[in-house]
Amino acid sequence: MYKDQMKFLVVAVAFLACASADVSHLGSGYNYQAPAPAPVNTYVPPAPAPAPAPVNTYIPPAPVSIPAPAPVYQPAPAPVQYSAPSLEEIEQPSADGYRYKTVRRRVYRRNRL
């Protein structure tokens, strides 16, 4: 009985594959666009004569007359009082230069058994 069901299933799947592959109702061939028209020979007049090249000539700038500024008296600025900052004492490093203060960290270990 199991074999009969498998045969029926295979035949049904084959029938569905044939039905879905049938594309004859879609038309015959592709739908192409109309071809482009053939080129037409027409008269094209020759290009006009080229324009003459520009000539480099020097044109001096127009003279600019600016009036001289009027003399103005400006008094000297008042002197600024400067006070020197007080010197701070800097801690001197040790004599050999290699002993630095470091932050020591304590690690507490627990014995886990």
PDB file of N, CA and C in Angstrom:
ATOM      1  N   MET A   1       0.811  -1.173   0.000  1.00  0.00           N
ATOM      2  CA  MET A   1       0.000   0.000   0.000  1.00  0.00           C
ATOM      3  C   MET A   1       0.877   1.269   0.000  1.00  0.00           C
ATOM      4  N   TYR A   2       1.965   1.244   0.748  1.00  0.00           N
ATOM      5  CA  TYR A   2       2.881   2.388   0.811  1.00  0.00           C
ATOM      6  C   TYR A   2       3.477   2.673  -0.562  1.00  0.00           C
ATOM      7  N   LYS A   3       3.782   1.598  -1.326  1.00  0.00           N
ATOM      8  CA  LYS A   3       4.367   1.771  -2.652  1.00  0.00           C
ATOM      9  C   LYS A   3       3.358   2.387  -3.615  1.00  0.00           C
ATOM     10  N   ASP A   4       2.110   2.051  -3.480  1.00  0.00           N
ATOM     11  CA  ASP A   4       1.079   2.619  -4.353  1.00  0.00           C
ATOM     12  C   ASP A   4       0.933   4.128  -4.110  1.00  0.00           C
ATOM     13  N   GLN A   5       1.022   4.520  -2.856  1.00  0.00           N
ATOM     14  CA  GLN A   5       0.912   5.946  -2.535  1.00  0.00           C
ATOM     15  C   GLN A   5       2.116   6.718  -3.091  1.00  0.00           C
ATOM     16  N   MET A   6       3.298   6.109  -3.009  1.00  0.00           N
ATOM     17  CA  MET A   6       4.494   6.762  -3.535  1.00  0.00           C
ATOM     18  C   MET A   6       4.404   6.906  -5.056  1.00  0.00           C
ATOM     19  N   LYS A   7       3.909   5.883  -5.740  1.00  0.00           N
ATOM     20  CA  LYS A   7       3.757   5.955  -7.192  1.00  0.00           C
ATOM     21  C   LYS A   7       2.772   7.061  -7.564  1.00  0.00           C
ATOM     22  N   PHE A   8       1.665   7.124  -6.837  1.00  0.00           N
ATOM     23  CA  PHE A   8       0.675   8.156  -7.110  1.00  0.00           C
ATOM     24  C   PHE A   8       1.265   9.557  -6.879  1.00  0.00           C
ATOM     25  N   LEU A   9       2.056   9.701  -5.820  1.00  0.00           N
ATOM     26  CA  LEU A   9       2.676  10.988  -5.514  1.00  0.00           C
ATOM     27  C   LEU A   9       3.657  11.395  -6.614  1.00  0.00           C
ATOM     28  N   VAL A  10       4.465  10.450  -7.095  1.00  0.00           N
ATOM     29  CA  VAL A  10       5.431  10.745  -8.152  1.00  0.00           C
ATOM     30  C   VAL A  10       4.704  11.133  -9.434  1.00  0.00           C
ATOM     31  N   VAL A  11       3.646  10.427  -9.782  1.00  0.00           N
ATOM     32  CA  VAL A  11       2.882  10.735 -10.993  1.00  0.00           C
ATOM     33  C   VAL A  11       2.216  12.105 -10.856  1.00  0.00           C
ATOM     34  N   ALA A  12       1.697  12.425  -9.692  1.00  0.00           N
ATOM     35  CA  ALA A  12       1.031  13.715  -9.483  1.00  0.00           C
ATOM     36  C   ALA A  12       2.039  14.860  -9.599  1.00  0.00           C
ATOM     37  N   VAL A  13       3.221  14.696  -9.022  1.00  0.00           N
ATOM     38  CA  VAL A  13       4.245  15.738  -9.103  1.00  0.00           C
ATOM     39  C   VAL A  13       4.708  15.903 -10.550  1.00  0.00           C
ATOM     40  N   ALA A  14       4.861  14.802 -11.298  1.00  0.00           N
ATOM     41  CA  ALA A  14       5.269  14.885 -12.697  1.00  0.00           C
ATOM     42  C   ALA A  14       4.198  15.597 -13.523  1.00  0.00           C
ATOM     43  N   PHE A  15       2.927  15.329 -13.250  1.00  0.00           N
ATOM     44  CA  PHE A  15       1.841  15.989 -13.965  1.00  0.00           C
ATOM     45  C   PHE A  15       1.838  17.495 -13.683  1.00  0.00           C
ATOM     46  N   LEU A  16       2.046  17.875 -12.431  1.00  0.00           N
ATOM     47  CA  LEU A  16       2.095  19.299 -12.083  1.00  0.00           C
ATOM     48  C   LEU A  16       3.289  19.987 -12.743  1.00  0.00           C
ATOM     49  N   ALA A  17       4.418  19.293 -12.844  1.00  0.00           N
ATOM     50  CA  ALA A  17       5.596  19.869 -13.486  1.00  0.00           C
ATOM     51  C   ALA A  17       5.335  20.104 -14.966  1.00  0.00           C
ATOM     52  N   CYS A  18       4.677  19.175 -15.629  1.00  0.00           N
ATOM     53  CA  CYS A  18       4.362  19.344 -17.056  1.00  0.00           C
ATOM     54  C   CYS A  18       3.365  20.476 -17.261  1.00  0.00           C
ATOM     55  N   ALA A  19       2.387  20.576 -16.375  1.00  0.00           N
ATOM     56  CA  ALA A  19       1.372  21.624 -16.516  1.00  0.00           C
ATOM     57  C   ALA A  19       1.991  23.007 -16.297  1.00  0.00           C
ATOM     58  N   SER A  20       2.900  23.122 -15.354  1.00  0.00           N
ATOM     59  CA  SER A  20       3.506  24.434 -15.103  1.00  0.00           C
ATOM     60  C   SER A  20       4.536  24.784 -16.176  1.00  0.00           C
ATOM     61  N   ALA A  21       5.091  23.801 -16.870  1.00  0.00           N
ATOM     62  CA  ALA A  21       6.083  24.062 -17.908  1.00  0.00           C
ATOM     63  C   ALA A  21       5.441  24.405 -19.243  1.00  0.00           C
ATOM     64  N   ASP A  22       4.136  24.209 -19.394  1.00  0.00           N
ATOM     65  CA  ASP A  22       3.457  24.492 -20.651  1.00  0.00           C
ATOM     66  C   ASP A  22       3.295  26.004 -20.798  1.00  0.00           C
ATOM     67  N   VAL A  23       4.030  26.590 -21.730  1.00  0.00           N
ATOM     68  CA  VAL A  23       3.974  28.033 -21.944  1.00  0.00           C
ATOM     69  C   VAL A  23       3.542  28.349 -23.370  1.00  0.00           C
ATOM     70  N   SER A  24       2.848  27.439 -24.014  1.00  0.00           N
ATOM     71  CA  SER A  24       2.451  27.657 -25.400  1.00  0.00           C
ATOM     72  C   SER A  24       1.402  28.757 -25.509  1.00  0.00           C
ATOM     73  N   HIS A  25       0.678  29.018 -24.453  1.00  0.00           N
ATOM     74  CA  HIS A  25      -0.369  30.039 -24.506  1.00  0.00           C
ATOM     75  C   HIS A  25       0.200  31.463 -24.385  1.00  0.00           C
ATOM     76  N   LEU A  26       1.511  31.602 -24.158  1.00  0.00           N
ATOM     77  CA  LEU A  26       2.108  32.924 -23.996  1.00  0.00           C
ATOM     78  C   LEU A  26       2.335  33.633 -25.325  1.00  0.00           C
ATOM     79  N   GLY A  27       2.260  32.985 -26.428  1.00  0.00           N
ATOM     80  CA  GLY A  27       2.485  33.616 -27.723  1.00  0.00           C
ATOM     81  C   GLY A  27       3.703  32.983 -28.374  1.00  0.00           C
ATOM     82  N   SER A  28       3.948  33.377 -29.605  1.00  0.00           N
ATOM     83  CA  SER A  28       5.065  32.762 -30.306  1.00  0.00           C
ATOM     84  C   SER A  28       6.221  33.749 -30.394  1.00  0.00           C
ATOM     85  N   GLY A  29       7.311  33.427 -29.807  1.00  0.00           N
ATOM     86  CA  GLY A  29       8.528  34.228 -29.918  1.00  0.00           C
ATOM     87  C   GLY A  29       8.513  35.462 -29.024  1.00  0.00           C
ATOM     88  N   TYR A  30       9.461  36.329 -29.304  1.00  0.00           N
ATOM     89  CA  TYR A  30       9.623  37.545 -28.512  1.00  0.00           C
ATOM     90  C   TYR A  30       8.944  38.708 -29.207  1.00  0.00           C
ATOM     91  N   ASN A  31       8.645  39.733 -28.462  1.00  0.00           N
ATOM     92  CA  ASN A  31       8.060  40.950 -29.024  1.00  0.00           C
ATOM     93  C   ASN A  31       9.172  41.986 -29.143  1.00  0.00           C
ATOM     94  N   TYR A  32       9.743  42.097 -30.326  1.00  0.00           N
ATOM     95  CA  TYR A  32      10.832  43.035 -30.555  1.00  0.00           C
ATOM     96  C   TYR A  32      10.279  44.397 -30.940  1.00  0.00           C
ATOM     97  N   GLN A  33      11.068  45.454 -30.709  1.00  0.00           N
ATOM     98  CA  GLN A  33      10.687  46.788 -31.155  1.00  0.00           C
ATOM     99  C   GLN A  33      10.966  46.905 -32.651  1.00  0.00           C
ATOM    100  N   ALA A  34      10.371  47.914 -33.253  1.00  0.00           N
ATOM    101  CA  ALA A  34      10.571  48.130 -34.687  1.00  0.00           C
ATOM    102  C   ALA A  34      12.031  48.506 -34.935  1.00  0.00           C
ATOM    103  N   PRO A  35      12.609  48.083 -36.071  1.00  0.00           N
ATOM    104  CA  PRO A  35      14.011  48.413 -36.341  1.00  0.00           C
ATOM    105  C   PRO A  35      14.179  49.912 -36.587  1.00  0.00           C
ATOM    106  N   ALA A  36      15.374  50.399 -36.353  1.00  0.00           N
ATOM    107  CA  ALA A  36      15.670  51.818 -36.561  1.00  0.00           C
ATOM    108  C   ALA A  36      15.662  52.118 -38.056  1.00  0.00           C
ATOM    109  N   PRO A  37      15.288  53.346 -38.428  1.00  0.00           N
ATOM    110  CA  PRO A  37      15.272  53.675 -39.865  1.00  0.00           C
ATOM    111  C   PRO A  37      16.698  53.727 -40.418  1.00  0.00           C
ATOM    112  N   ALA A  38      16.811  53.496 -41.702  1.00  0.00           N
ATOM    113  CA  ALA A  38      18.120  53.516 -42.361  1.00  0.00           C
ATOM    114  C   ALA A  38      18.646  54.951 -42.386  1.00  0.00           C
ATOM    115  N   PRO A  39      19.965  55.136 -42.320  1.00  0.00           N
ATOM    116  CA  PRO A  39      20.505  56.501 -42.345  1.00  0.00           C
ATOM    117  C   PRO A  39      20.260  57.164 -43.697  1.00  0.00           C
ATOM    118  N   VAL A  40      20.081  58.490 -43.652  1.00  0.00           N
ATOM    119  CA  VAL A  40      19.795  59.270 -44.859  1.00  0.00           C
ATOM    120  C   VAL A  40      20.995  60.170 -45.122  1.00  0.00           C
ATOM    121  N   ASN A  41      21.492  60.155 -46.364  1.00  0.00           N
ATOM    122  CA  ASN A  41      22.611  61.014 -46.740  1.00  0.00           C
ATOM    123  C   ASN A  41      22.084  62.411 -47.017  1.00  0.00           C
ATOM    124  N   THR A  42      22.570  63.392 -46.263  1.00  0.00           N
ATOM    125  CA  THR A  42      22.170  64.785 -46.466  1.00  0.00           C
ATOM    126  C   THR A  42      23.427  65.632 -46.605  1.00  0.00           C
ATOM    127  N   TYR A  43      23.276  66.830 -47.193  1.00  0.00           N
ATOM    128  CA  TYR A  43      24.407  67.723 -47.399  1.00  0.00           C
ATOM    129  C   TYR A  43      24.711  68.463 -46.104  1.00  0.00           C
ATOM    130  N   VAL A  44      25.972  68.426 -45.718  1.00  0.00           N
ATOM    131  CA  VAL A  44      26.429  69.166 -44.548  1.00  0.00           C
ATOM    132  C   VAL A  44      27.451  70.176 -45.047  1.00  0.00           C
ATOM    133  N   PRO A  45      27.195  71.484 -44.866  1.00  0.00           N
ATOM    134  CA  PRO A  45      28.139  72.483 -45.380  1.00  0.00           C
ATOM    135  C   PRO A  45      29.451  72.418 -44.596  1.00  0.00           C
ATOM    136  N   PRO A  46      30.546  72.891 -45.215  1.00  0.00           N
ATOM    137  CA  PRO A  46      31.837  72.850 -44.515  1.00  0.00           C
ATOM    138  C   PRO A  46      31.827  73.783 -43.306  1.00  0.00           C
ATOM    139  N   ALA A  47      32.708  73.530 -42.390  1.00  0.00           N
ATOM    140  CA  ALA A  47      32.795  74.339 -41.174  1.00  0.00           C
ATOM    141  C   ALA A  47      33.273  75.736 -41.518  1.00  0.00           C
ATOM    142  N   PRO A  48      32.819  76.760 -40.787  1.00  0.00           N
ATOM    143  CA  PRO A  48      33.271  78.126 -41.089  1.00  0.00           C
ATOM    144  C   PRO A  48      34.756  78.272 -40.784  1.00  0.00           C
ATOM    145  N   ALA A  49      35.360  79.306 -41.378  1.00  0.00           N
ATOM    146  CA  ALA A  49      36.797  79.547 -41.184  1.00  0.00           C
ATOM    147  C   ALA A  49      37.051  79.844 -39.711  1.00  0.00           C
ATOM    148  N   PRO A  50      38.176  79.381 -39.182  1.00  0.00           N
ATOM    149  CA  PRO A  50      38.444  79.621 -37.756  1.00  0.00           C
ATOM    150  C   PRO A  50      38.691  81.103 -37.487  1.00  0.00           C
ATOM    151  N   ALA A  51      38.334  81.553 -36.312  1.00  0.00           N
ATOM    152  CA  ALA A  51      38.520  82.952 -35.914  1.00  0.00           C
ATOM    153  C   ALA A  51      39.999  83.211 -35.692  1.00  0.00           C
ATOM    154  N   PRO A  52      40.450  84.440 -35.930  1.00  0.00           N
ATOM    155  CA  PRO A  52      41.879  84.733 -35.718  1.00  0.00           C
ATOM    156  C   PRO A  52      42.232  84.593 -34.233  1.00  0.00           C
ATOM    157  N   ALA A  53      43.468  84.208 -33.992  1.00  0.00           N
ATOM    158  CA  ALA A  53      43.925  84.017 -32.613  1.00  0.00           C
ATOM    159  C   ALA A  53      44.014  85.366 -31.911  1.00  0.00           C
ATOM    160  N   PRO A  54      43.748  85.423 -30.615  1.00  0.00           N
ATOM    161  CA  PRO A  54      43.828  86.702 -29.902  1.00  0.00           C
ATOM    162  C   PRO A  54      45.276  87.178 -29.802  1.00  0.00           C
ATOM    163  N   VAL A  55      45.443  88.493 -29.792  1.00  0.00           N
ATOM    164  CA  VAL A  55      46.770  89.101 -29.733  1.00  0.00           C
ATOM    165  C   VAL A  55      46.969  89.640 -28.322  1.00  0.00           C
ATOM    166  N   ASN A  56      48.109  89.325 -27.715  1.00  0.00           N
ATOM    167  CA  ASN A  56      48.401  89.807 -26.371  1.00  0.00           C
ATOM    168  C   ASN A  56      48.938  91.230 -26.449  1.00  0.00           C
ATOM    169  N   THR A  57      48.216  92.170 -25.860  1.00  0.00           N
ATOM    170  CA  THR A  57      48.659  93.559 -25.795  1.00  0.00           C
ATOM    171  C   THR A  57      48.552  94.020 -24.355  1.00  0.00           C
ATOM    172  N   TYR A  58      49.473  94.899 -23.944  1.00  0.00           N
ATOM    173  CA  TYR A  58      49.489  95.396 -22.572  1.00  0.00           C
ATOM    174  C   TYR A  58      48.629  96.639 -22.471  1.00  0.00           C
ATOM    175  N   ILE A  59      47.691  96.612 -21.537  1.00  0.00           N
ATOM    176  CA  ILE A  59      46.858  97.775 -21.273  1.00  0.00           C
ATOM    177  C   ILE A  59      47.131  98.168 -19.825  1.00  0.00           C
ATOM    178  N   PRO A  60      47.754  99.326 -19.599  1.00  0.00           N
ATOM    179  CA  PRO A  60      48.078  99.710 -18.219  1.00  0.00           C
ATOM    180  C   PRO A  60      46.811 100.011 -17.430  1.00  0.00           C
ATOM    181  N   PRO A  61      46.856  99.787 -16.112  1.00  0.00           N
ATOM    182  CA  PRO A  61      45.668 100.073 -15.299  1.00  0.00           C
ATOM    183  C   PRO A  61      45.432 101.573 -15.191  1.00  0.00           C
ATOM    184  N   ALA A  62      44.205 101.938 -14.937  1.00  0.00           N
ATOM    185  CA  ALA A  62      43.857 103.350 -14.799  1.00  0.00           C
ATOM    186  C   ALA A  62      44.474 103.883 -13.512  1.00  0.00           C
ATOM    187  N   PRO A  63      44.978 105.113 -13.532  1.00  0.00           N
ATOM    188  CA  PRO A  63      45.582 105.664 -12.309  1.00  0.00           C
ATOM    189  C   PRO A  63      44.521 105.877 -11.234  1.00  0.00           C
ATOM    190  N   VAL A  64      44.904 105.549  -9.995  1.00  0.00           N
ATOM    191  CA  VAL A  64      43.987 105.688  -8.869  1.00  0.00           C
ATOM    192  C   VAL A  64      44.549 106.768  -7.963  1.00  0.00           C
ATOM    193  N   SER A  65      43.733 107.750  -7.651  1.00  0.00           N
ATOM    194  CA  SER A  65      44.192 108.829  -6.765  1.00  0.00           C
ATOM    195  C   SER A  65      43.478 108.684  -5.426  1.00  0.00           C
ATOM    196  N   ILE A  66      44.271 108.412  -4.372  1.00  0.00           N
ATOM    197  CA  ILE A  66      43.732 108.273  -3.025  1.00  0.00           C
ATOM    198  C   ILE A  66      44.258 109.451  -2.214  1.00  0.00           C
ATOM    199  N   PRO A  67      43.382 110.166  -1.515  1.00  0.00           N
ATOM    200  CA  PRO A  67      43.861 111.301  -0.730  1.00  0.00           C
ATOM    201  C   PRO A  67      44.725 110.818   0.432  1.00  0.00           C
ATOM    202  N   ALA A  68      45.723 111.624   0.794  1.00  0.00           N
ATOM    203  CA  ALA A  68      46.613 111.269   1.900  1.00  0.00           C
ATOM    204  C   ALA A  68      45.842 111.346   3.212  1.00  0.00           C
ATOM    205  N   PRO A  69      46.130 110.466   4.155  1.00  0.00           N
ATOM    206  CA  PRO A  69      45.403 110.508   5.429  1.00  0.00           C
ATOM    207  C   PRO A  69      45.818 111.730   6.247  1.00  0.00           C
ATOM    208  N   ALA A  70      44.872 112.232   7.007  1.00  0.00           N
ATOM    209  CA  ALA A  70      45.144 113.396   7.855  1.00  0.00           C
ATOM    210  C   ALA A  70      45.947 112.946   9.070  1.00  0.00           C
ATOM    211  N   PRO A  71      46.929 113.734   9.513  1.00  0.00           N
ATOM    212  CA  PRO A  71      47.708 113.340  10.685  1.00  0.00           C
ATOM    213  C   PRO A  71      46.849 113.366  11.949  1.00  0.00           C
ATOM    214  N   VAL A  72      46.978 112.329  12.761  1.00  0.00           N
ATOM    215  CA  VAL A  72      46.193 112.198  13.990  1.00  0.00           C
ATOM    216  C   VAL A  72      47.166 111.937  15.128  1.00  0.00           C
ATOM    217  N   TYR A  73      46.956 112.632  16.261  1.00  0.00           N
ATOM    218  CA  TYR A  73      47.816 112.438  17.429  1.00  0.00           C
ATOM    219  C   TYR A  73      47.237 111.328  18.292  1.00  0.00           C
ATOM    220  N   GLN A  74      48.067 110.331  18.623  1.00  0.00           N
ATOM    221  CA  GLN A  74      47.661 109.258  19.530  1.00  0.00           C
ATOM    222  C   GLN A  74      48.645 109.238  20.687  1.00  0.00           C
ATOM    223  N   PRO A  75      48.162 109.430  21.909  1.00  0.00           N
ATOM    224  CA  PRO A  75      49.076 109.416  23.048  1.00  0.00           C
ATOM    225  C   PRO A  75      49.606 108.004  23.287  1.00  0.00           C
ATOM    226  N   ALA A  76      50.773 107.930  23.920  1.00  0.00           N
ATOM    227  CA  ALA A  76      51.386 106.634  24.220  1.00  0.00           C
ATOM    228  C   ALA A  76      50.548 105.903  25.262  1.00  0.00           C
ATOM    229  N   PRO A  77      50.469 104.589  25.190  1.00  0.00           N
ATOM    230  CA  PRO A  77      49.670 103.856  26.178  1.00  0.00           C
ATOM    231  C   PRO A  77      50.326 103.929  27.552  1.00  0.00           C
ATOM    232  N   ALA A  78      49.491 103.858  28.570  1.00  0.00           N
ATOM    233  CA  ALA A  78      49.986 103.906  29.947  1.00  0.00           C
ATOM    234  C   ALA A  78      50.788 102.647  30.232  1.00  0.00           C
ATOM    235  N   PRO A  79      51.860 102.752  31.018  1.00  0.00           N
ATOM    236  CA  PRO A  79      52.661 101.555  31.314  1.00  0.00           C
ATOM    237  C   PRO A  79      51.876 100.557  32.171  1.00  0.00           C
ATOM    238  N   VAL A  80      52.107  99.293  31.931  1.00  0.00           N
ATOM    239  CA  VAL A  80      51.412  98.222  32.643  1.00  0.00           C
ATOM    240  C   VAL A  80      52.320  97.731  33.759  1.00  0.00           C
ATOM    241  N   GLN A  81      51.750  97.653  34.957  1.00  0.00           N
ATOM    242  CA  GLN A  81      52.521  97.162  36.098  1.00  0.00           C
ATOM    243  C   GLN A  81      52.540  95.638  36.044  1.00  0.00           C
ATOM    244  N   TYR A  82      53.732  95.064  36.107  1.00  0.00           N
ATOM    245  CA  TYR A  82      53.885  93.610  36.043  1.00  0.00           C
ATOM    246  C   TYR A  82      54.459  93.130  37.361  1.00  0.00           C
ATOM    247  N   SER A  83      53.786  92.171  37.951  1.00  0.00           N
ATOM    248  CA  SER A  83      54.305  91.596  39.193  1.00  0.00           C
ATOM    249  C   SER A  83      54.716  90.162  38.898  1.00  0.00           C
ATOM    250  N   ALA A  84      55.922  89.811  39.286  1.00  0.00           N
ATOM    251  CA  ALA A  84      56.439  88.466  39.026  1.00  0.00           C
ATOM    252  C   ALA A  84      55.719  87.465  39.929  1.00  0.00           C
ATOM    253  N   PRO A  85      55.367  86.287  39.416  1.00  0.00           N
ATOM    254  CA  PRO A  85      54.690  85.290  40.256  1.00  0.00           C
ATOM    255  C   PRO A  85      55.662  84.746  41.300  1.00  0.00           C
ATOM    256  N   SER A  86      55.087  84.363  42.423  1.00  0.00           N
ATOM    257  CA  SER A  86      55.935  83.807  43.481  1.00  0.00           C
ATOM    258  C   SER A  86      56.418  82.423  43.064  1.00  0.00           C
ATOM    259  N   LEU A  87      57.624  82.103  43.445  1.00  0.00           N
ATOM    260  CA  LEU A  87      58.205  80.816  43.069  1.00  0.00           C
ATOM    261  C   LEU A  87      57.697  79.728  43.999  1.00  0.00           C
ATOM    262  N   GLU A  88      57.291  78.624  43.431  1.00  0.00           N
ATOM    263  CA  GLU A  88      56.828  77.487  44.223  1.00  0.00           C
ATOM    264  C   GLU A  88      57.982  76.523  44.399  1.00  0.00           C
ATOM    265  N   GLU A  89      58.002  75.897  45.551  1.00  0.00           N
ATOM    266  CA  GLU A  89      59.057  74.920  45.786  1.00  0.00           C
ATOM    267  C   GLU A  89      58.680  73.619  45.098  1.00  0.00           C
ATOM    268  N   ILE A  90      59.632  73.077  44.384  1.00  0.00           N
ATOM    269  CA  ILE A  90      59.426  71.816  43.683  1.00  0.00           C
ATOM    270  C   ILE A  90      60.202  70.751  44.426  1.00  0.00           C
ATOM    271  N   GLU A  91      59.528  69.640  44.693  1.00  0.00           N
ATOM    272  CA  GLU A  91      60.189  68.557  45.423  1.00  0.00           C
ATOM    273  C   GLU A  91      61.296  67.973  44.555  1.00  0.00           C
ATOM    274  N   GLN A  92      62.474  67.884  45.098  1.00  0.00           N
ATOM    275  CA  GLN A  92      63.617  67.378  44.357  1.00  0.00           C
ATOM    276  C   GLN A  92      63.588  65.856  44.325  1.00  0.00           C
ATOM    277  N   PRO A  93      63.879  65.251  43.190  1.00  0.00           N
ATOM    278  CA  PRO A  93      63.930  63.788  43.130  1.00  0.00           C
ATOM    279  C   PRO A  93      65.148  63.282  43.896  1.00  0.00           C
ATOM    280  N   SER A  94      65.166  61.988  44.117  1.00  0.00           N
ATOM    281  CA  SER A  94      66.288  61.407  44.854  1.00  0.00           C
ATOM    282  C   SER A  94      67.573  61.590  44.060  1.00  0.00           C
ATOM    283  N   ALA A  95      68.676  61.328  44.713  1.00  0.00           N
ATOM    284  CA  ALA A  95      69.980  61.622  44.125  1.00  0.00           C
ATOM    285  C   ALA A  95      70.239  60.837  42.846  1.00  0.00           C
ATOM    286  N   ASP A  96      69.829  59.556  42.802  1.00  0.00           N
ATOM    287  CA  ASP A  96      70.139  58.769  41.607  1.00  0.00           C
ATOM    288  C   ASP A  96      69.086  58.939  40.511  1.00  0.00           C
ATOM    289  N   GLY A  97      67.924  59.501  40.828  1.00  0.00           N
ATOM    290  CA  GLY A  97      66.923  59.771  39.804  1.00  0.00           C
ATOM    291  C   GLY A  97      66.070  58.585  39.407  1.00  0.00           C
ATOM    292  N   TYR A  98      66.210  57.437  40.076  1.00  0.00           N
ATOM    293  CA  TYR A  98      65.447  56.256  39.682  1.00  0.00           C
ATOM    294  C   TYR A  98      64.441  55.827  40.727  1.00  0.00           C
ATOM    295  N   ARG A  99      64.359  56.481  41.838  1.00  0.00           N
ATOM    296  CA  ARG A  99      63.434  56.063  42.894  1.00  0.00           C
ATOM    297  C   ARG A  99      62.209  56.984  42.845  1.00  0.00           C
ATOM    298  N   TYR A 100      61.138  56.432  42.354  1.00  0.00           N
ATOM    299  CA  TYR A 100      59.907  57.185  42.243  1.00  0.00           C
ATOM    300  C   TYR A 100      58.900  56.627  43.229  1.00  0.00           C
ATOM    301  N   LYS A 101      57.976  57.477  43.644  1.00  0.00           N
ATOM    302  CA  LYS A 101      56.912  57.011  44.521  1.00  0.00           C
ATOM    303  C   LYS A 101      55.869  56.329  43.642  1.00  0.00           C
ATOM    304  N   THR A 102      55.488  55.144  44.042  1.00  0.00           N
ATOM    305  CA  THR A 102      54.471  54.415  43.291  1.00  0.00           C
ATOM    306  C   THR A 102      53.331  54.067  44.223  1.00  0.00           C
ATOM    307  N   VAL A 103      52.173  53.859  43.656  1.00  0.00           N
ATOM    308  CA  VAL A 103      51.012  53.450  44.428  1.00  0.00           C
ATOM    309  C   VAL A 103      51.035  51.940  44.487  1.00  0.00           C
ATOM    310  N   ARG A 104      51.101  51.426  45.707  1.00  0.00           N
ATOM    311  CA  ARG A 104      51.142  49.972  45.856  1.00  0.00           C
ATOM    312  C   ARG A 104      49.732  49.473  46.092  1.00  0.00           C
ATOM    313  N   ARG A 105      49.437  48.402  45.422  1.00  0.00           N
ATOM    314  CA  ARG A 105      48.114  47.816  45.496  1.00  0.00           C
ATOM    315  C   ARG A 105      48.184  46.544  46.311  1.00  0.00           C
ATOM    316  N   ARG A 106      47.249  46.380  47.217  1.00  0.00           N
ATOM    317  CA  ARG A 106      47.230  45.158  48.012  1.00  0.00           C
ATOM    318  C   ARG A 106      46.236  44.198  47.391  1.00  0.00           C
ATOM    319  N   VAL A 107      46.666  42.983  47.248  1.00  0.00           N
ATOM    320  CA  VAL A 107      45.820  41.948  46.684  1.00  0.00           C
ATOM    321  C   VAL A 107      45.547  40.944  47.785  1.00  0.00           C
ATOM    322  N   TYR A 108      44.282  40.773  48.115  1.00  0.00           N
ATOM    323  CA  TYR A 108      43.896  39.796  49.121  1.00  0.00           C
ATOM    324  C   TYR A 108      43.483  38.528  48.395  1.00  0.00           C
ATOM    325  N   ARG A 109      44.144  37.465  48.716  1.00  0.00           N
ATOM    326  CA  ARG A 109      43.843  36.189  48.070  1.00  0.00           C
ATOM    327  C   ARG A 109      43.107  35.292  49.051  1.00  0.00           C
ATOM    328  N   ARG A 110      42.152  34.618  48.526  1.00  0.00           N
ATOM    329  CA  ARG A 110      41.407  33.664  49.343  1.00  0.00           C
ATOM    330  C   ARG A 110      41.758  32.271  48.877  1.00  0.00           C
ATOM    331  N   ASN A 111      41.958  31.418  49.808  1.00  0.00           N
ATOM    332  CA  ASN A 111      42.222  30.023  49.463  1.00  0.00           C
ATOM    333  C   ASN A 111      40.890  29.324  49.245  1.00  0.00           C
ATOM    334  N   ARG A 112      40.691  28.933  48.053  1.00  0.00           N
ATOM    335  CA  ARG A 112      39.442  28.234  47.730  1.00  0.00           C
ATOM    336  C   ARG A 112      39.730  26.749  47.671  1.00  0.00           C
ATOM    337  N   LEU A 113      39.007  26.028  48.427  1.00  0.00           N
ATOM    338  CA  LEU A 113      39.186  24.576  48.455  1.00  0.00           C
ATOM    339  C   LEU A 113      38.033  23.856  47.840  1.00  0.00           C
TER     340      LEU A 113
END
